[in-house]
N, C-alpha and C. Protein backbone atom coordinates (compact mmCIF):
# COMPACT_ATOMS: atom_id res chain seq x y z
N GLY A 1 -15.11 144.54 -163.15
CA GLY A 1 -15.83 144.00 -162.24
C GLY A 1 -15.14 142.72 -162.34
N ALA A 2 -15.96 141.14 -161.64
CA ALA A 2 -15.45 140.24 -161.72
C ALA A 2 -14.63 139.86 -162.84
N GLY A 3 -15.06 139.86 -164.04
CA GLY A 3 -14.76 139.34 -165.73
C GLY A 3 -13.23 139.86 -165.61
N PHE A 4 -13.12 141.15 -165.44
CA PHE A 4 -11.89 141.95 -165.64
C PHE A 4 -10.49 140.90 -164.45
N LEU A 5 -11.08 140.56 -163.50
CA LEU A 5 -10.55 139.77 -162.57
C LEU A 5 -10.20 138.86 -162.65
N CYS A 6 -11.05 138.01 -163.52
CA CYS A 6 -11.08 136.97 -163.99
C CYS A 6 -9.95 136.66 -164.90
N ALA A 7 -10.06 137.86 -165.83
CA ALA A 7 -8.47 137.84 -166.96
C ALA A 7 -7.29 137.67 -166.22
N VAL A 8 -7.59 138.78 -165.49
CA VAL A 8 -6.11 139.10 -164.55
C VAL A 8 -5.42 138.11 -163.76
N VAL A 9 -6.41 136.95 -163.27
CA VAL A 9 -6.19 135.56 -162.98
C VAL A 9 -5.79 134.76 -163.67
N LEU A 10 -6.19 134.24 -164.25
CA LEU A 10 -6.08 133.90 -165.66
C LEU A 10 -4.64 134.28 -166.42
N ALA A 11 -4.04 135.89 -166.75
CA ALA A 11 -3.31 135.92 -166.65
C ALA A 11 -1.53 135.51 -166.31
N ALA A 12 -2.11 135.93 -164.77
CA ALA A 12 -0.82 135.37 -163.78
C ALA A 12 -0.50 134.24 -163.79
N LEU A 13 -2.11 133.32 -163.95
CA LEU A 13 -1.42 131.66 -163.96
C LEU A 13 -0.72 131.27 -164.88
N TYR A 14 -0.89 132.04 -166.02
CA TYR A 14 0.12 131.86 -167.80
C TYR A 14 0.82 132.69 -167.46
N SER A 15 1.15 133.46 -167.07
CA SER A 15 2.35 134.79 -167.30
C SER A 15 3.24 133.78 -167.14
N ALA A 16 3.91 132.95 -165.99
CA ALA A 16 5.29 132.22 -166.04
C ALA A 16 5.28 130.86 -166.34
N PRO A 17 6.50 130.54 -166.96
CA PRO A 17 6.63 129.31 -167.43
C PRO A 17 6.36 128.61 -166.31
N ALA A 18 6.03 127.13 -166.86
CA ALA A 18 6.18 126.22 -165.30
C ALA A 18 6.92 126.16 -164.47
N PRO A 19 8.85 126.16 -164.96
CA PRO A 19 9.68 126.01 -164.36
C PRO A 19 9.76 127.43 -163.50
N ALA A 20 9.06 128.58 -163.69
CA ALA A 20 9.08 129.49 -162.87
C ALA A 20 7.86 130.23 -162.20
N GLN A 21 7.71 129.14 -161.07
CA GLN A 21 6.14 129.28 -160.19
C GLN A 21 6.52 129.90 -159.24
N THR A 22 7.31 131.22 -159.16
CA THR A 22 7.87 131.40 -157.70
C THR A 22 6.70 132.89 -157.33
N LYS A 23 6.00 133.37 -158.58
CA LYS A 23 5.33 134.51 -158.12
C LYS A 23 4.09 133.74 -158.00
N GLU A 24 3.55 134.54 -156.89
CA GLU A 24 2.35 134.14 -156.23
C GLU A 24 1.44 135.13 -156.41
N LEU A 25 0.31 134.32 -156.36
CA LEU A 25 -1.00 135.28 -156.83
C LEU A 25 -1.58 135.93 -155.79
N SER A 26 -2.37 136.96 -156.21
CA SER A 26 -2.72 137.72 -155.23
C SER A 26 -3.75 137.19 -154.27
N GLU A 27 -3.90 137.64 -153.20
CA GLU A 27 -5.09 136.84 -152.41
C GLU A 27 -6.40 137.21 -152.68
N LYS A 28 -6.64 138.27 -153.77
CA LYS A 28 -7.71 138.55 -154.31
C LYS A 28 -8.02 137.33 -155.36
N SER A 29 -6.91 137.23 -156.36
CA SER A 29 -7.02 136.67 -157.57
C SER A 29 -7.56 135.17 -156.76
N VAL A 30 -6.71 134.61 -155.72
CA VAL A 30 -6.64 133.33 -155.20
C VAL A 30 -8.34 132.93 -154.33
N LYS A 31 -8.40 134.33 -153.72
CA LYS A 31 -10.07 133.98 -153.46
C LYS A 31 -11.16 134.21 -154.65
N LEU A 32 -10.56 134.69 -155.57
CA LEU A 32 -12.03 134.86 -157.20
C LEU A 32 -11.88 133.29 -157.22
N LEU A 33 -10.85 132.42 -157.47
CA LEU A 33 -10.51 131.11 -157.82
C LEU A 33 -11.31 129.87 -157.18
N MET A 34 -11.41 130.47 -155.79
CA MET A 34 -11.89 129.42 -154.60
C MET A 34 -13.57 129.88 -154.82
N GLN A 35 -13.91 131.23 -155.29
CA GLN A 35 -15.56 131.78 -155.28
C GLN A 35 -15.91 130.69 -156.68
N TYR A 36 -15.04 130.73 -157.86
CA TYR A 36 -15.77 129.45 -158.91
C TYR A 36 -15.39 128.34 -158.70
N ALA A 37 -14.59 127.68 -157.88
CA ALA A 37 -14.84 126.16 -157.55
C ALA A 37 -15.84 125.69 -156.60
N TRP A 38 -16.24 126.65 -155.73
CA TRP A 38 -17.07 127.19 -154.66
C TRP A 38 -18.39 126.78 -155.88
N ALA A 39 -18.81 127.68 -156.72
CA ALA A 39 -19.98 127.34 -157.43
C ALA A 39 -20.16 125.71 -158.14
N LEU A 40 -18.56 125.36 -158.58
CA LEU A 40 -18.60 124.01 -159.10
C LEU A 40 -19.27 122.86 -158.40
N THR A 41 -18.68 123.37 -157.35
CA THR A 41 -18.74 121.83 -156.00
C THR A 41 -20.20 121.49 -155.73
N PRO A 42 -20.35 120.14 -156.08
CA PRO A 42 -22.01 119.99 -156.42
C PRO A 42 -22.08 119.60 -154.58
N PRO A 43 -23.84 119.71 -154.37
CA PRO A 43 -24.02 119.65 -153.02
C PRO A 43 -24.21 118.12 -152.91
N LYS A 44 -23.74 117.32 -153.64
CA LYS A 44 -23.97 115.47 -153.78
C LYS A 44 -22.70 114.90 -154.32
N PHE A 45 -21.93 114.06 -154.00
CA PHE A 45 -20.71 113.65 -154.57
C PHE A 45 -20.75 112.04 -154.19
N THR A 46 -20.64 111.35 -154.98
CA THR A 46 -20.36 109.87 -154.57
C THR A 46 -18.88 109.59 -155.06
N SER A 47 -18.18 109.02 -154.05
CA SER A 47 -16.69 109.04 -154.71
C SER A 47 -16.64 107.29 -155.04
N PRO A 48 -15.32 107.13 -155.73
CA PRO A 48 -15.73 105.67 -156.59
C PRO A 48 -15.58 104.59 -155.72
N ASP A 49 -15.66 105.08 -154.10
CA ASP A 49 -15.37 103.58 -153.20
C ASP A 49 -17.32 103.53 -152.89
N GLY A 50 -17.83 104.67 -153.42
CA GLY A 50 -19.50 104.28 -152.96
C GLY A 50 -19.65 105.30 -151.85
N LYS A 51 -18.71 106.32 -151.43
CA LYS A 51 -19.05 106.93 -150.18
C LYS A 51 -19.79 108.09 -150.99
N VAL A 52 -20.60 108.79 -150.16
CA VAL A 52 -21.65 109.52 -150.19
C VAL A 52 -21.36 110.85 -149.66
N ILE A 53 -20.77 112.04 -150.56
CA ILE A 53 -20.72 113.37 -149.63
C ILE A 53 -21.65 114.35 -149.72
N GLU A 54 -22.43 114.94 -148.80
CA GLU A 54 -23.11 115.84 -148.75
C GLU A 54 -22.52 117.14 -148.84
N VAL A 55 -22.55 118.24 -149.05
CA VAL A 55 -22.22 119.48 -148.90
C VAL A 55 -23.27 120.12 -148.79
N ASP A 56 -23.26 121.13 -147.96
CA ASP A 56 -24.70 121.98 -147.62
C ASP A 56 -23.96 123.30 -148.03
N LYS A 57 -24.54 123.49 -149.21
CA LYS A 57 -24.22 125.00 -150.37
C LYS A 57 -24.48 126.07 -149.26
N SER A 58 -25.01 126.04 -148.52
CA SER A 58 -25.70 127.47 -147.70
C SER A 58 -24.74 127.93 -146.64
N LYS A 59 -23.53 126.90 -146.51
CA LYS A 59 -22.76 127.24 -145.82
C LYS A 59 -21.37 127.12 -146.09
N PRO A 60 -20.84 127.91 -147.04
CA PRO A 60 -19.45 127.73 -147.77
C PRO A 60 -18.33 127.90 -146.31
N LYS A 61 -18.50 128.48 -145.29
CA LYS A 61 -17.92 128.68 -144.53
C LYS A 61 -17.30 127.54 -143.97
N ASP A 62 -18.33 126.47 -143.75
CA ASP A 62 -17.70 125.49 -143.11
C ASP A 62 -17.07 124.50 -144.08
N VAL A 63 -17.10 124.89 -145.46
CA VAL A 63 -16.32 123.67 -146.18
C VAL A 63 -15.11 124.58 -147.21
N ILE A 64 -15.21 125.60 -147.34
CA ILE A 64 -14.02 126.58 -148.21
C ILE A 64 -12.79 126.36 -146.86
N VAL A 65 -11.73 126.23 -147.78
CA VAL A 65 -10.55 126.11 -146.94
C VAL A 65 -9.57 127.58 -147.19
N ALA A 66 -8.85 127.89 -145.80
CA ALA A 66 -8.24 128.92 -145.97
C ALA A 66 -7.17 129.56 -147.41
N VAL A 67 -7.24 130.57 -147.19
CA VAL A 67 -6.40 131.36 -148.65
C VAL A 67 -5.06 130.70 -148.97
N ASP A 68 -4.67 130.35 -147.93
CA ASP A 68 -3.19 129.77 -148.05
C ASP A 68 -3.04 128.15 -148.35
N VAL A 69 -3.88 127.81 -147.87
CA VAL A 69 -4.22 126.07 -148.41
C VAL A 69 -4.75 126.47 -150.03
N ALA A 70 -5.49 127.00 -150.31
CA ALA A 70 -5.88 127.31 -151.66
C ALA A 70 -4.69 127.72 -152.37
N ARG A 71 -4.33 128.57 -152.03
CA ARG A 71 -2.65 129.00 -153.12
C ARG A 71 -1.88 127.79 -153.45
N GLU A 72 -1.54 126.73 -152.27
CA GLU A 72 -1.07 126.04 -152.45
C GLU A 72 -1.68 124.93 -153.38
N VAL A 73 -3.06 124.34 -153.50
CA VAL A 73 -3.96 123.57 -154.17
C VAL A 73 -3.44 124.42 -155.51
N ILE A 74 -4.09 125.42 -156.07
CA ILE A 74 -3.67 126.03 -157.05
C ILE A 74 -2.34 126.06 -157.79
N LYS A 75 -1.23 126.25 -157.06
CA LYS A 75 0.14 126.02 -157.37
C LYS A 75 0.25 124.26 -158.27
N VAL A 76 -0.56 123.55 -157.29
CA VAL A 76 -0.36 122.29 -157.72
C VAL A 76 -1.22 121.99 -159.21
N ALA A 77 -2.03 122.37 -158.71
CA ALA A 77 -3.20 122.46 -160.14
C ALA A 77 -2.20 122.94 -161.49
N ARG A 78 -1.57 123.94 -161.36
CA ARG A 78 -1.34 124.59 -162.51
C ARG A 78 -0.09 123.79 -162.81
N LEU A 79 0.68 123.23 -162.08
CA LEU A 79 1.63 122.01 -162.37
C LEU A 79 0.89 120.58 -163.07
N SER A 80 -0.44 120.24 -162.56
CA SER A 80 -1.13 119.37 -163.45
C SER A 80 -1.78 120.36 -164.73
N ALA A 81 -1.83 121.10 -164.88
CA ALA A 81 -2.29 121.90 -166.13
C ALA A 81 -1.30 122.11 -166.72
N TYR A 82 -0.12 122.14 -166.39
CA TYR A 82 1.09 121.80 -167.55
C TYR A 82 1.47 120.34 -167.84
N ALA A 83 1.22 119.67 -167.17
CA ALA A 83 1.27 118.25 -167.40
C ALA A 83 0.48 117.86 -168.68
N GLN A 84 -1.29 117.99 -168.46
CA GLN A 84 -2.09 117.82 -169.69
C GLN A 84 -1.77 118.41 -171.01
N ILE A 85 -1.43 119.83 -170.53
CA ILE A 85 -0.98 120.46 -171.83
C ILE A 85 0.18 119.71 -172.63
N CYS A 86 1.26 118.98 -172.01
CA CYS A 86 2.27 118.19 -172.33
C CYS A 86 1.66 116.91 -172.58
N ASN A 87 0.88 116.59 -172.62
CA ASN A 87 0.69 115.05 -172.58
C ASN A 87 1.15 113.91 -171.65
N LEU A 88 1.39 114.11 -170.65
CA LEU A 88 1.74 113.83 -169.42
C LEU A 88 0.78 113.54 -168.55
N THR A 89 0.38 112.28 -169.05
CA THR A 89 -1.27 112.04 -168.27
C THR A 89 -0.83 111.30 -166.54
N GLU A 90 0.20 110.30 -166.79
CA GLU A 90 0.64 109.95 -165.66
C GLU A 90 1.18 110.83 -164.90
N GLU A 91 1.77 112.24 -164.88
CA GLU A 91 2.81 113.00 -163.96
C GLU A 91 1.37 113.68 -163.51
N GLN A 92 0.18 113.95 -164.37
CA GLN A 92 -0.85 114.97 -164.22
C GLN A 92 -2.02 113.94 -162.97
N ARG A 93 -1.42 112.54 -163.15
CA ARG A 93 -2.59 111.81 -162.24
C ARG A 93 -1.67 112.11 -160.89
N ALA A 94 -0.19 111.83 -161.18
CA ALA A 94 0.46 111.52 -159.92
C ALA A 94 0.44 113.00 -159.28
N ASN A 95 0.49 114.07 -159.70
CA ASN A 95 0.73 115.33 -159.06
C ASN A 95 -0.64 115.24 -158.29
N TYR A 96 -1.41 115.14 -158.62
CA TYR A 96 -3.35 115.49 -158.11
C TYR A 96 -3.15 114.29 -156.70
N GLN A 97 -3.08 113.17 -157.12
CA GLN A 97 -2.80 112.27 -156.10
C GLN A 97 -2.18 112.28 -155.10
N THR A 98 -1.08 112.91 -155.56
CA THR A 98 0.04 113.21 -154.04
C THR A 98 -0.50 114.48 -153.12
N LEU A 99 -1.38 115.16 -153.82
CA LEU A 99 -1.86 117.04 -153.44
C LEU A 99 -3.13 115.99 -152.52
N MET A 100 -3.49 115.20 -153.14
CA MET A 100 -4.61 114.79 -152.05
C MET A 100 -4.29 114.04 -150.49
N ARG A 101 -3.17 113.04 -151.02
CA ARG A 101 -2.69 112.27 -150.12
C ARG A 101 -2.25 113.00 -149.07
N ARG A 102 -1.33 114.15 -149.41
CA ARG A 102 -0.80 115.23 -148.29
C ARG A 102 -2.10 115.88 -147.67
N GLU A 103 -3.37 116.20 -148.45
CA GLU A 103 -4.29 116.65 -147.38
C GLU A 103 -5.02 115.78 -146.76
N GLN A 104 -5.38 114.78 -146.98
CA GLN A 104 -6.09 113.82 -146.42
C GLN A 104 -4.61 113.33 -145.13
N ALA A 105 -3.55 113.05 -145.10
CA ALA A 105 -2.91 113.02 -143.92
C ALA A 105 -3.01 113.81 -143.38
N LYS A 106 -3.23 115.02 -143.04
CA LYS A 106 -3.35 116.51 -142.49
C LYS A 106 -4.71 116.02 -141.41
N LYS A 107 -5.11 115.22 -141.65
CA LYS A 107 -6.20 114.63 -140.84
C LYS A 107 -7.21 115.51 -140.21
N SER A 108 -7.14 116.95 -140.90
CA SER A 108 -7.71 118.12 -140.24
C SER A 108 -8.89 118.44 -141.00
N TRP A 109 -9.28 117.68 -142.25
CA TRP A 109 -10.14 118.46 -142.99
C TRP A 109 -11.26 116.97 -143.07
N SER A 110 -12.72 117.96 -143.19
CA SER A 110 -14.07 117.27 -143.13
C SER A 110 -13.96 116.50 -144.97
N ASP A 111 -14.65 115.46 -145.17
CA ASP A 111 -14.71 114.90 -146.19
C ASP A 111 -15.23 115.94 -147.38
N GLN A 112 -16.23 116.84 -147.40
CA GLN A 112 -16.78 117.84 -147.99
C GLN A 112 -15.40 118.75 -147.84
N GLN A 113 -14.45 119.19 -147.02
CA GLN A 113 -13.33 120.23 -147.39
C GLN A 113 -12.37 119.91 -148.74
N LEU A 114 -12.39 118.15 -147.86
CA LEU A 114 -11.04 117.64 -149.21
C LEU A 114 -11.76 117.19 -150.25
N LEU A 115 -13.46 117.53 -150.58
CA LEU A 115 -14.21 117.84 -151.89
C LEU A 115 -14.34 118.94 -152.56
N TYR A 116 -13.93 120.18 -151.66
CA TYR A 116 -13.66 121.25 -152.54
C TYR A 116 -12.60 121.43 -152.69
N ILE A 117 -11.27 120.54 -151.98
CA ILE A 117 -9.66 120.84 -152.12
C ILE A 117 -9.98 120.39 -153.86
N SER A 118 -11.03 119.30 -153.91
CA SER A 118 -10.31 118.10 -155.36
C SER A 118 -10.71 119.73 -156.35
N GLN A 119 -12.15 120.05 -155.80
CA GLN A 119 -12.45 120.81 -156.85
C GLN A 119 -11.94 122.15 -157.29
N LEU A 120 -10.98 122.55 -156.23
CA LEU A 120 -10.26 124.29 -156.55
C LEU A 120 -9.04 123.49 -157.72
N HIS A 121 -8.94 122.39 -157.40
CA HIS A 121 -7.78 121.74 -158.16
C HIS A 121 -8.25 121.50 -159.70
N LEU A 122 -9.41 120.84 -159.62
CA LEU A 122 -10.03 120.73 -160.95
C LEU A 122 -10.44 121.96 -161.78
N PHE A 123 -10.86 123.01 -161.13
CA PHE A 123 -11.18 124.28 -161.49
C PHE A 123 -10.02 125.02 -162.22
N THR A 124 -8.86 124.94 -161.23
CA THR A 124 -7.79 125.63 -161.92
C THR A 124 -7.54 124.77 -163.01
N VAL A 125 -7.17 123.48 -163.07
CA VAL A 125 -6.77 123.03 -164.27
C VAL A 125 -7.74 123.03 -165.53
N MET A 126 -8.85 123.08 -165.22
CA MET A 126 -9.53 123.00 -166.18
C MET A 126 -9.73 124.54 -167.05
N THR A 127 -9.65 125.68 -166.19
CA THR A 127 -9.20 127.48 -166.41
C THR A 127 -7.79 127.45 -167.28
N LEU A 128 -6.74 126.24 -166.88
CA LEU A 128 -5.75 126.86 -167.33
C LEU A 128 -5.81 125.75 -169.01
N THR A 129 -6.58 125.06 -169.16
CA THR A 129 -6.35 124.05 -170.56
C THR A 129 -8.24 124.82 -171.20
N GLY A 130 -8.65 125.27 -171.20
CA GLY A 130 -9.33 126.27 -171.84
C GLY A 130 -10.66 125.42 -171.62
N LYS A 131 -10.63 124.81 -170.47
CA LYS A 131 -12.33 123.52 -170.73
C LYS A 131 -13.21 124.32 -170.08
N VAL A 132 -13.26 125.86 -169.13
CA VAL A 132 -13.79 126.21 -168.55
C VAL A 132 -14.12 127.58 -168.74
N GLN A 133 -15.09 128.36 -168.66
CA GLN A 133 -15.51 129.80 -168.88
C GLN A 133 -16.15 130.72 -168.42
N ILE A 134 -15.82 131.71 -168.02
CA ILE A 134 -16.59 132.77 -167.16
C ILE A 134 -17.60 133.45 -168.13
N VAL A 135 -18.80 133.42 -168.05
CA VAL A 135 -19.57 134.19 -168.91
C VAL A 135 -20.86 135.46 -167.85
N GLU A 136 -21.09 136.42 -168.59
CA GLU A 136 -22.15 136.87 -167.65
C GLU A 136 -23.62 137.28 -168.72
N LYS A 137 -24.42 136.46 -167.37
CA LYS A 137 -25.56 136.37 -167.85
C LYS A 137 -26.80 137.25 -166.94
N GLN A 138 -27.20 138.19 -167.21
CA GLN A 138 -27.80 139.09 -167.06
C GLN A 138 -27.35 139.66 -165.55
N GLY A 139 -26.32 140.24 -165.94
CA GLY A 139 -25.37 141.28 -164.60
C GLY A 139 -24.53 140.17 -164.09
N ASP A 140 -24.69 138.89 -163.66
CA ASP A 140 -23.97 137.79 -162.91
C ASP A 140 -23.37 137.40 -164.17
N LYS A 141 -22.11 136.82 -163.37
CA LYS A 141 -21.24 136.03 -163.28
C LYS A 141 -21.55 134.20 -163.44
N GLN A 142 -21.34 133.37 -164.03
CA GLN A 142 -21.40 132.06 -163.76
C GLN A 142 -20.38 131.58 -164.37
N VAL A 143 -20.25 130.23 -164.00
CA VAL A 143 -19.03 129.32 -164.70
C VAL A 143 -19.84 128.15 -165.53
N VAL A 144 -19.08 128.28 -167.05
CA VAL A 144 -19.77 127.49 -167.48
C VAL A 144 -18.60 126.64 -168.53
N VAL A 145 -18.98 124.83 -168.04
CA VAL A 145 -18.13 124.42 -168.71
C VAL A 145 -17.87 124.05 -169.69
N GLN A 146 -17.12 123.79 -170.86
CA GLN A 146 -16.92 123.74 -172.11
C GLN A 146 -17.03 121.93 -172.49
N GLU A 147 -17.95 121.56 -172.45
CA GLU A 147 -18.33 120.08 -172.38
C GLU A 147 -17.62 119.67 -173.85
N GLY A 148 -16.77 118.80 -174.33
CA GLY A 148 -16.13 118.26 -175.30
C GLY A 148 -15.14 119.45 -176.18
N LYS A 149 -14.81 120.21 -175.31
CA LYS A 149 -13.73 121.08 -175.66
C LYS A 149 -12.51 120.88 -176.42
N ALA A 150 -11.79 121.00 -177.25
CA ALA A 150 -10.23 120.35 -177.04
C ALA A 150 -9.97 121.10 -175.84
N PRO A 151 -8.67 120.91 -175.64
CA PRO A 151 -7.77 121.72 -174.26
C PRO A 151 -6.91 122.83 -175.30
N THR A 152 -6.08 123.21 -174.25
CA THR A 152 -5.87 124.73 -174.80
C THR A 152 -4.67 123.58 -176.03
N THR A 153 -4.36 124.96 -176.47
CA THR A 153 -3.27 124.07 -178.02
C THR A 153 -2.33 124.68 -177.95
N ALA A 154 -2.06 125.02 -176.45
CA ALA A 154 -0.31 125.50 -176.25
C ALA A 154 0.60 124.22 -176.54
N SER A 155 1.99 124.78 -177.10
CA SER A 155 2.80 123.88 -177.69
C SER A 155 3.80 123.27 -176.19
N CYS A 156 4.59 121.99 -176.17
CA CYS A 156 5.02 121.64 -175.26
C CYS A 156 6.30 121.10 -175.94
N ASP A 157 7.25 121.89 -175.89
CA ASP A 157 8.44 121.14 -176.71
C ASP A 157 8.97 119.92 -175.52
N ASP A 158 10.10 119.47 -175.69
CA ASP A 158 10.99 118.10 -175.33
C ASP A 158 11.66 118.94 -173.57
N SER A 159 12.10 119.86 -174.35
CA SER A 159 12.82 120.85 -173.07
C SER A 159 11.40 120.83 -172.01
N GLU A 160 10.27 121.73 -172.33
CA GLU A 160 9.67 121.96 -171.49
C GLU A 160 8.49 120.51 -170.80
N ARG A 161 8.49 119.82 -171.49
CA ARG A 161 7.95 118.34 -171.37
C ARG A 161 8.99 117.96 -169.70
N ASP A 162 10.66 117.85 -170.39
CA ASP A 162 11.36 117.39 -169.18
C ASP A 162 11.27 118.56 -168.01
N ARG A 163 11.13 119.45 -168.06
CA ARG A 163 11.23 120.63 -166.89
C ARG A 163 9.66 120.08 -166.12
N VAL A 164 8.72 120.12 -166.48
CA VAL A 164 7.13 119.72 -166.23
C VAL A 164 7.22 118.34 -165.41
N LYS A 165 7.90 117.53 -166.11
CA LYS A 165 8.52 116.20 -165.08
C LYS A 165 9.24 116.22 -164.03
N ALA A 166 10.14 117.02 -164.22
CA ALA A 166 11.04 117.85 -162.88
C ALA A 166 10.57 117.92 -161.73
N GLN A 167 9.44 119.00 -162.37
CA GLN A 167 8.73 119.74 -161.28
C GLN A 167 8.12 118.69 -160.50
N ILE A 168 7.30 118.05 -161.10
CA ILE A 168 6.07 116.94 -160.68
C ILE A 168 7.06 116.13 -159.38
N ALA A 169 8.18 115.38 -160.44
CA ALA A 169 8.88 114.73 -159.16
C ALA A 169 9.12 115.24 -158.43
N ALA A 170 9.56 116.18 -158.20
CA ALA A 170 10.48 117.10 -157.16
C ALA A 170 9.02 117.25 -155.82
N TYR A 171 7.52 117.63 -156.47
CA TYR A 171 6.53 117.93 -155.71
C TYR A 171 6.06 116.77 -154.88
N ILE A 172 6.15 115.23 -155.93
CA ILE A 172 5.80 114.03 -155.07
C ILE A 172 6.97 113.32 -154.32
N ASN A 173 8.26 113.88 -154.64
CA ASN A 173 9.31 112.90 -153.58
C ASN A 173 9.63 114.21 -152.55
N ALA A 174 8.88 115.45 -152.27
CA ALA A 174 9.07 116.32 -151.40
C ALA A 174 7.64 115.76 -150.26
N ALA A 175 6.55 114.86 -150.75
CA ALA A 175 5.45 114.66 -149.92
C ALA A 175 5.46 113.32 -149.32
N PRO A 176 4.86 112.82 -147.94
CA PRO A 176 4.88 111.68 -147.70
C PRO A 176 3.91 110.66 -148.67
N ALA A 177 4.64 109.47 -148.98
CA ALA A 177 3.62 108.72 -149.87
C ALA A 177 2.60 108.01 -148.84
N THR A 178 1.58 108.24 -148.65
CA THR A 178 0.61 107.44 -147.56
C THR A 178 -1.01 107.11 -148.11
N GLY A 179 -1.25 106.55 -148.05
CA GLY A 179 -2.51 105.98 -148.50
C GLY A 179 -3.07 106.28 -149.52
N SER A 180 -4.41 105.96 -150.14
CA SER A 180 -4.74 106.32 -151.42
C SER A 180 -5.84 107.34 -151.17
N VAL A 181 -5.99 107.65 -152.72
CA VAL A 181 -6.64 108.62 -153.07
C VAL A 181 -8.31 108.28 -153.78
N LYS A 182 -8.99 108.41 -152.57
CA LYS A 182 -10.54 107.86 -153.18
C LYS A 182 -11.69 109.42 -153.20
N THR A 183 -11.39 110.14 -152.91
CA THR A 183 -12.01 111.43 -152.83
C THR A 183 -11.65 112.74 -153.82
N GLY A 184 -12.75 112.71 -154.48
CA GLY A 184 -13.07 114.12 -155.74
C GLY A 184 -12.84 113.45 -157.04
N PRO A 185 -13.31 114.57 -157.97
CA PRO A 185 -13.56 113.92 -159.63
C PRO A 185 -12.16 114.31 -160.30
N ALA A 186 -11.47 114.84 -159.73
CA ALA A 186 -10.25 115.68 -160.66
C ALA A 186 -9.40 114.41 -160.67
N SER A 187 -9.12 113.42 -159.96
CA SER A 187 -8.30 112.37 -160.55
C SER A 187 -8.79 111.37 -161.67
N LYS A 188 -10.17 111.55 -162.15
CA LYS A 188 -10.28 110.92 -163.69
C LYS A 188 -10.11 112.25 -165.21
N LYS A 189 -8.94 112.33 -165.24
CA LYS A 189 -8.94 113.27 -166.14
C LYS A 189 -8.48 112.38 -167.41
């Protein structure tokens, strides 16, 4: 069921080292991550600048983005997770902010959709760093955030750290640097 599929998604996310991100996640895997990110999207969120974003949780189709957009968010989040594992805090923040600037620059997303994009990024990072777990309760799969849990203890040597830095730099340099990021909790890593 969903537990097995979640394990397959995690294996696919972890399977290739950071530099070899050419393997695409299946549409089914992307949709599963999207589903769990939706479960973590709050019905009401106040951004750092005080803007209140309300999400109608009964209308996911009005908020959840297309699979191809989600796939790109997951790729970027994977880099953010590697940066976190390698203790590259500034690079992780810059990677996330670049993603959000790109999405904001499109001017095609509502505040609710930008919040969802941020949540999908955050959920993916938390999954890869061991801060979120999928548990079965009375036959239903639920997302459980591991509060205070130490991040994944994967090792990151200097060459891996350099590769992650280079990949993030390439991603940042490929993006137009416009505006500032104000939406989403993932920037508070």
